[in-house]
Amino acid sequence: MRAMKSYKNGFPFPVGSPSFILPVREDNLLENVRFLKDRLDLVQLLYFGRDHLDEVMSPRIIRELRTIREESGVVYTVHLPADLGLLNPTGPREDAIDVIERVMDSTASLAVEGYVLHLDLFDPCMKTPAPGAEERGVFEAALAAVSARMGERASGILIENIGYDMALFGELILGSPFPVCMDAGHLFFNGHDADAFMRLFGPRIRQVHLHGHEKGRDHRPVSALDPAAVRRVMDFARAGSVPLIVEVYSEDDLNLSLGFMEGLLA
């Protein structure tokens, strides 16, 4: 039995992690959720690859996830596949939206609190300059296409900032039905202004991701960040009781991150 401390109801906002903390081979997603369910308030179910969804979203797995939720009270959020290419102006955008719809339909019984979506094509490591008319048109068309298909369910899809500065598309997002997932770790890693991001999107932010970076590597322990910057993100989450996902991918990094954050509450 692993000795990770329970942080359930331990922060003034719901706290969670991805469903990839333990490096187990069999039933990876389920074994991770079983490990995390009594230690954290929520778990981010990782559905990263559109061609591998059956491995993590079979009817058996969905039934097991529902049972775990009902017995433990753990809350689920879903990270949609990161390879949808919705900002590809010549790509099969409707096929990508089919994938989103399939995930939402298949997980409907799990009472998921938010489906996190990358609007991706831009190089995630590139610090994008101010977008021109063509880039803005592609971005707006992607938002419109997903919104048109999903209807009222669009309000459950959270647009996450990745490598480019999503604030440059702020008025397009604010004019859409989509809420926002603020990945503070991406903001810090790419040198973007996290405080300005919080001011711009404010109550539209329905989920926060937090992770550090070291020596050019992202998704490192939160303890690698400036404590004052982490406090400001935690204060934002506290003010709105916004769920915060510590987006690291090992038990040691998760323990280190949560212990560091706990120390900042004092």
Protein backbone atom coordinates (compact mmCIF):
# COMPACT_ATOMS: atom_id res chain seq x y z
CA MET A 1 0.00 0.00 0.00
CA ARG A 2 1.42 3.37 -1.00
CA ALA A 3 1.70 6.03 1.67
CA MET A 4 0.77 9.17 -0.26
CA LYS A 5 -0.96 11.62 2.04
CA SER A 6 -4.61 12.38 1.35
CA TYR A 7 -5.31 15.93 0.23
CA LYS A 8 -9.03 15.38 -0.22
CA ASN A 9 -10.77 18.54 1.01
CA GLY A 10 -7.32 19.74 2.03
CA PHE A 11 -7.22 22.94 -0.02
CA PRO A 12 -9.66 25.87 -0.23
CA PHE A 13 -10.44 24.73 -3.79
CA PRO A 14 -10.83 21.26 -5.34
CA VAL A 15 -7.45 19.75 -6.17
CA GLY A 16 -6.65 16.92 -8.55
CA SER A 17 -4.11 15.31 -10.86
CA PRO A 18 -3.99 13.52 -14.21
CA SER A 19 -4.80 9.83 -14.42
CA PHE A 20 -1.16 9.00 -15.08
CA ILE A 21 0.70 9.00 -11.77
CA LEU A 22 1.47 5.30 -11.31
CA PRO A 23 3.43 3.62 -14.15
CA VAL A 24 1.31 0.45 -14.14
CA ARG A 25 0.94 -1.62 -17.31
CA GLU A 26 -2.45 -3.31 -16.92
CA ASP A 27 -5.59 -1.19 -16.63
CA ASN A 28 -3.45 1.91 -16.28
CA LEU A 29 -6.29 4.41 -16.16
CA LEU A 30 -8.40 2.44 -13.68
CA GLU A 31 -5.49 1.64 -11.39
CA ASN A 32 -4.52 5.30 -11.28
CA VAL A 33 -8.06 6.39 -10.52
CA ARG A 34 -8.33 3.79 -7.75
CA PHE A 35 -5.10 5.11 -6.26
CA LEU A 36 -6.16 8.76 -6.45
CA LYS A 37 -9.86 8.55 -5.57
CA ASP A 38 -9.41 8.85 -1.79
CA ARG A 39 -6.40 11.17 -1.94
CA LEU A 40 -7.64 13.96 -4.22
CA ASP A 41 -10.92 15.71 -4.99
CA LEU A 42 -10.84 15.13 -8.73
CA VAL A 43 -9.00 13.19 -11.42
CA GLN A 44 -8.31 14.37 -14.96
CA LEU A 45 -8.99 11.42 -17.26
CA LEU A 46 -6.38 11.55 -20.02
CA TYR A 47 -7.77 10.72 -23.46
CA PHE A 48 -4.76 12.04 -25.35
CA GLY A 49 -4.70 10.00 -28.57
CA ARG A 50 -7.68 9.91 -30.89
CA ASP A 51 -6.59 6.52 -32.25
CA HIS A 52 -6.29 4.92 -28.80
CA LEU A 53 -9.59 5.82 -27.20
CA ASP A 54 -10.80 2.22 -26.95
CA GLU A 55 -7.91 1.51 -24.60
CA VAL A 56 -9.21 4.00 -22.02
CA MET A 57 -12.89 4.38 -22.86
CA SER A 58 -14.33 0.88 -23.32
CA PRO A 59 -17.79 0.17 -21.86
CA ARG A 60 -16.11 -1.89 -19.11
CA ILE A 61 -13.83 0.98 -18.13
CA ILE A 62 -16.68 3.48 -18.14
CA ARG A 63 -18.74 1.18 -15.87
CA GLU A 64 -15.81 0.83 -13.48
CA LEU A 65 -15.21 4.60 -13.44
CA ARG A 66 -18.86 5.21 -12.66
CA THR A 67 -18.75 2.74 -9.76
CA ILE A 68 -15.62 4.38 -8.36
CA ARG A 69 -17.24 7.81 -8.57
CA GLU A 70 -20.41 6.64 -6.86
CA GLU A 71 -18.50 4.94 -4.04
CA SER A 72 -15.82 7.56 -3.41
CA GLY A 73 -17.31 10.87 -4.51
CA VAL A 74 -14.30 11.61 -6.71
CA VAL A 75 -15.02 14.09 -9.50
CA TYR A 76 -13.87 13.56 -13.10
CA THR A 77 -12.70 16.00 -15.69
CA VAL A 78 -11.57 14.87 -19.16
CA HIS A 79 -8.61 15.97 -21.26
CA LEU A 80 -9.73 15.51 -24.85
CA PRO A 81 -7.24 14.12 -27.42
CA ALA A 82 -4.43 16.56 -28.09
CA ASP A 83 -4.05 15.57 -31.74
CA LEU A 84 -7.30 16.93 -33.20
CA GLY A 85 -5.69 19.63 -35.33
CA LEU A 86 -8.66 21.97 -35.15
CA LEU A 87 -6.60 24.94 -36.33
CA ASN A 88 -5.59 23.19 -39.54
CA PRO A 89 -7.39 25.29 -42.18
CA THR A 90 -7.43 22.43 -44.69
CA GLY A 91 -7.81 19.51 -42.29
CA PRO A 92 -10.87 17.30 -41.68
CA ARG A 93 -12.32 19.46 -38.92
CA GLU A 94 -15.62 17.56 -38.83
CA ASP A 95 -13.71 14.34 -38.15
CA ALA A 96 -12.07 15.99 -35.15
CA ILE A 97 -15.43 17.16 -33.85
CA ASP A 98 -16.73 13.61 -34.29
CA VAL A 99 -14.05 12.53 -31.80
CA ILE A 100 -15.11 15.19 -29.28
CA GLU A 101 -18.73 14.12 -29.62
CA ARG A 102 -17.82 10.46 -29.21
CA VAL A 103 -15.90 11.13 -25.99
CA MET A 104 -18.70 13.24 -24.54
CA ASP A 105 -21.34 10.66 -25.44
CA SER A 106 -19.32 7.76 -24.04
CA THR A 107 -18.57 9.50 -20.73
CA ALA A 108 -22.03 10.99 -20.21
CA SER A 109 -22.70 8.70 -17.24
CA LEU A 110 -19.63 9.98 -15.36
CA ALA A 111 -20.98 13.49 -14.62
CA VAL A 112 -17.78 14.96 -16.05
CA GLU A 113 -17.03 18.52 -14.90
CA GLY A 114 -15.41 19.91 -18.00
CA TYR A 115 -13.81 18.61 -21.19
CA VAL A 116 -10.46 20.31 -21.78
CA LEU A 117 -9.70 21.07 -25.43
CA HIS A 118 -6.56 22.25 -27.22
CA LEU A 119 -7.19 24.41 -30.25
CA ASP A 120 -4.00 23.17 -31.80
CA LEU A 121 -1.87 23.53 -34.86
CA PHE A 122 0.53 26.25 -33.81
CA ASP A 123 3.89 24.94 -32.65
CA PRO A 124 3.32 24.44 -28.89
CA CYS A 125 6.86 25.67 -28.18
CA MET A 126 6.57 28.78 -30.33
CA LYS A 127 5.94 32.18 -28.79
CA THR A 128 3.44 33.25 -31.44
CA PRO A 129 3.49 36.91 -32.53
CA ALA A 130 0.29 38.88 -32.84
CA PRO A 131 -1.99 36.89 -35.15
CA GLY A 132 -2.96 38.27 -38.50
CA ALA A 133 -6.35 38.19 -40.17
CA GLU A 134 -5.80 34.67 -41.54
CA GLU A 135 -4.89 33.19 -38.16
CA ARG A 136 -7.79 34.94 -36.46
CA GLY A 137 -10.16 33.69 -39.13
CA VAL A 138 -9.03 30.09 -38.67
CA PHE A 139 -9.35 30.37 -34.90
CA GLU A 140 -12.84 31.87 -35.13
CA ALA A 141 -13.93 29.21 -37.64
CA ALA A 142 -12.76 26.43 -35.32
CA LEU A 143 -14.72 27.88 -32.40
CA ALA A 144 -17.79 28.26 -34.61
CA ALA A 145 -17.58 24.72 -35.99
CA VAL A 146 -17.33 23.09 -32.55
CA SER A 147 -20.05 25.34 -31.14
CA ALA A 148 -22.44 24.64 -34.03
CA ARG A 149 -22.13 20.88 -33.61
CA MET A 150 -22.15 20.72 -29.82
CA GLY A 151 -24.94 23.23 -29.17
CA GLU A 152 -25.65 23.61 -25.45
CA ARG A 153 -22.89 21.14 -24.64
CA ALA A 154 -20.31 23.70 -25.80
CA SER A 155 -20.53 25.25 -22.32
CA GLY A 156 -18.86 22.11 -20.97
CA ILE A 157 -15.83 22.34 -23.29
CA LEU A 158 -12.94 24.32 -21.80
CA ILE A 159 -10.48 25.91 -24.22
CA GLU A 160 -6.95 25.51 -22.83
CA ASN A 161 -3.98 27.74 -23.56
CA ILE A 162 -0.97 25.83 -24.87
CA GLY A 163 2.19 27.19 -26.51
CA TYR A 164 0.82 30.29 -28.23
CA ASP A 165 -0.53 33.32 -26.38
CA MET A 166 -4.26 32.62 -26.22
CA ALA A 167 -4.92 36.08 -24.79
CA LEU A 168 -4.33 37.39 -28.31
CA PHE A 169 -7.56 35.62 -29.28
CA GLY A 170 -9.32 36.75 -26.12
CA GLU A 171 -12.24 38.64 -27.66
CA LEU A 172 -13.03 35.66 -29.91
CA ILE A 173 -13.20 33.31 -26.93
CA LEU A 174 -15.14 35.78 -24.80
CA GLY A 175 -17.64 36.11 -27.66
CA SER A 176 -18.09 32.33 -27.82
CA PRO A 177 -20.00 29.93 -25.52
CA PHE A 178 -16.78 28.26 -24.35
CA PRO A 179 -15.26 28.58 -20.88
CA VAL A 180 -11.49 28.52 -20.37
CA CYS A 181 -8.96 26.20 -18.79
CA MET A 182 -6.05 28.32 -17.62
CA ASP A 183 -2.86 26.30 -17.79
CA ALA A 184 -0.68 28.46 -15.56
CA GLY A 185 2.22 26.09 -16.13
CA HIS A 186 2.10 26.78 -19.87
CA LEU A 187 1.88 30.52 -19.22
CA PHE A 188 4.98 30.46 -17.01
CA PHE A 189 6.89 28.12 -19.34
CA ASN A 190 6.25 30.30 -22.39
CA GLY A 191 6.84 33.63 -20.66
CA HIS A 192 3.22 34.79 -20.94
CA ASP A 193 1.59 37.08 -18.39
CA ALA A 194 -0.46 34.91 -16.02
CA ASP A 195 -1.85 37.87 -14.10
CA ALA A 196 -3.08 39.52 -17.31
CA PHE A 197 -4.60 36.19 -18.38
CA MET A 198 -6.55 35.96 -15.11
CA ARG A 199 -7.76 39.54 -15.47
CA LEU A 200 -8.82 39.01 -19.09
CA PHE A 201 -10.74 35.77 -18.73
CA GLY A 202 -11.74 36.11 -15.05
CA PRO A 203 -14.90 34.11 -14.30
CA ARG A 204 -14.65 32.35 -17.68
CA ILE A 205 -11.82 30.28 -16.16
CA ARG A 206 -13.45 27.08 -14.93
CA GLN A 207 -10.31 25.01 -14.34
CA VAL A 208 -6.65 25.70 -13.59
CA HIS A 209 -3.63 23.54 -14.47
CA LEU A 210 -0.40 24.10 -12.56
CA HIS A 211 3.09 22.64 -13.06
CA GLY A 212 6.64 23.86 -12.98
CA HIS A 213 9.48 23.87 -15.48
CA GLU A 214 13.21 23.21 -15.14
CA LYS A 215 16.06 23.30 -17.66
CA GLY A 216 13.67 23.60 -20.60
CA ARG A 217 11.43 20.77 -19.40
CA ASP A 218 7.75 21.36 -18.69
CA HIS A 219 5.37 19.50 -16.35
CA ARG A 220 7.90 19.48 -13.54
CA PRO A 221 7.03 19.85 -9.83
CA VAL A 222 5.26 23.04 -8.82
CA SER A 223 8.09 23.68 -6.34
CA ALA A 224 10.25 24.74 -9.32
CA LEU A 225 8.17 27.91 -9.66
CA ASP A 226 8.39 31.26 -7.89
CA PRO A 227 6.32 30.88 -4.68
CA ALA A 228 4.76 34.33 -5.14
CA ALA A 229 3.49 33.37 -8.61
CA VAL A 230 2.08 30.10 -7.28
CA ARG A 231 0.33 31.96 -4.45
CA ARG A 232 -1.37 34.27 -6.96
CA VAL A 233 -2.68 31.29 -8.93
CA MET A 234 -3.85 29.59 -5.74
CA ASP A 235 -5.52 32.82 -4.59
CA PHE A 236 -7.39 32.95 -7.89
CA ALA A 237 -8.54 29.34 -7.49
CA ARG A 238 -9.54 30.00 -3.89
CA ALA A 239 -11.57 33.11 -4.75
CA GLY A 240 -13.78 31.23 -7.19
CA SER A 241 -13.41 27.71 -5.79
CA VAL A 242 -11.95 26.82 -9.19
CA PRO A 243 -10.67 23.23 -9.52
CA LEU A 244 -6.88 23.04 -9.80
CA ILE A 245 -5.13 20.14 -11.51
CA VAL A 246 -1.50 19.59 -10.54
CA GLU A 247 -0.41 18.43 -13.98
CA VAL A 248 2.61 16.24 -13.28
CA TYR A 249 3.11 12.61 -14.18
CA SER A 250 4.72 10.78 -11.27
CA GLU A 251 3.93 10.11 -7.64
CA ASP A 252 7.11 11.80 -6.44
CA ASP A 253 6.41 14.96 -8.45
CA LEU A 254 2.80 15.01 -7.25
CA ASN A 255 3.81 14.62 -3.60
CA LEU A 256 6.47 17.32 -3.92
CA SER A 257 4.04 19.69 -5.63
CA LEU A 258 1.19 19.24 -3.17
CA GLY A 259 3.48 19.55 -0.16
CA PHE A 260 4.92 22.77 -1.57
CA MET A 261 1.45 24.17 -2.21
CA GLU A 262 0.27 23.14 1.25
CA GLY A 263 3.15 25.09 2.75
CA LEU A 264 2.01 28.22 0.92
CA LEU A 265 -1.38 28.10 2.64
CA ALA A 266 0.15 28.97 6.01
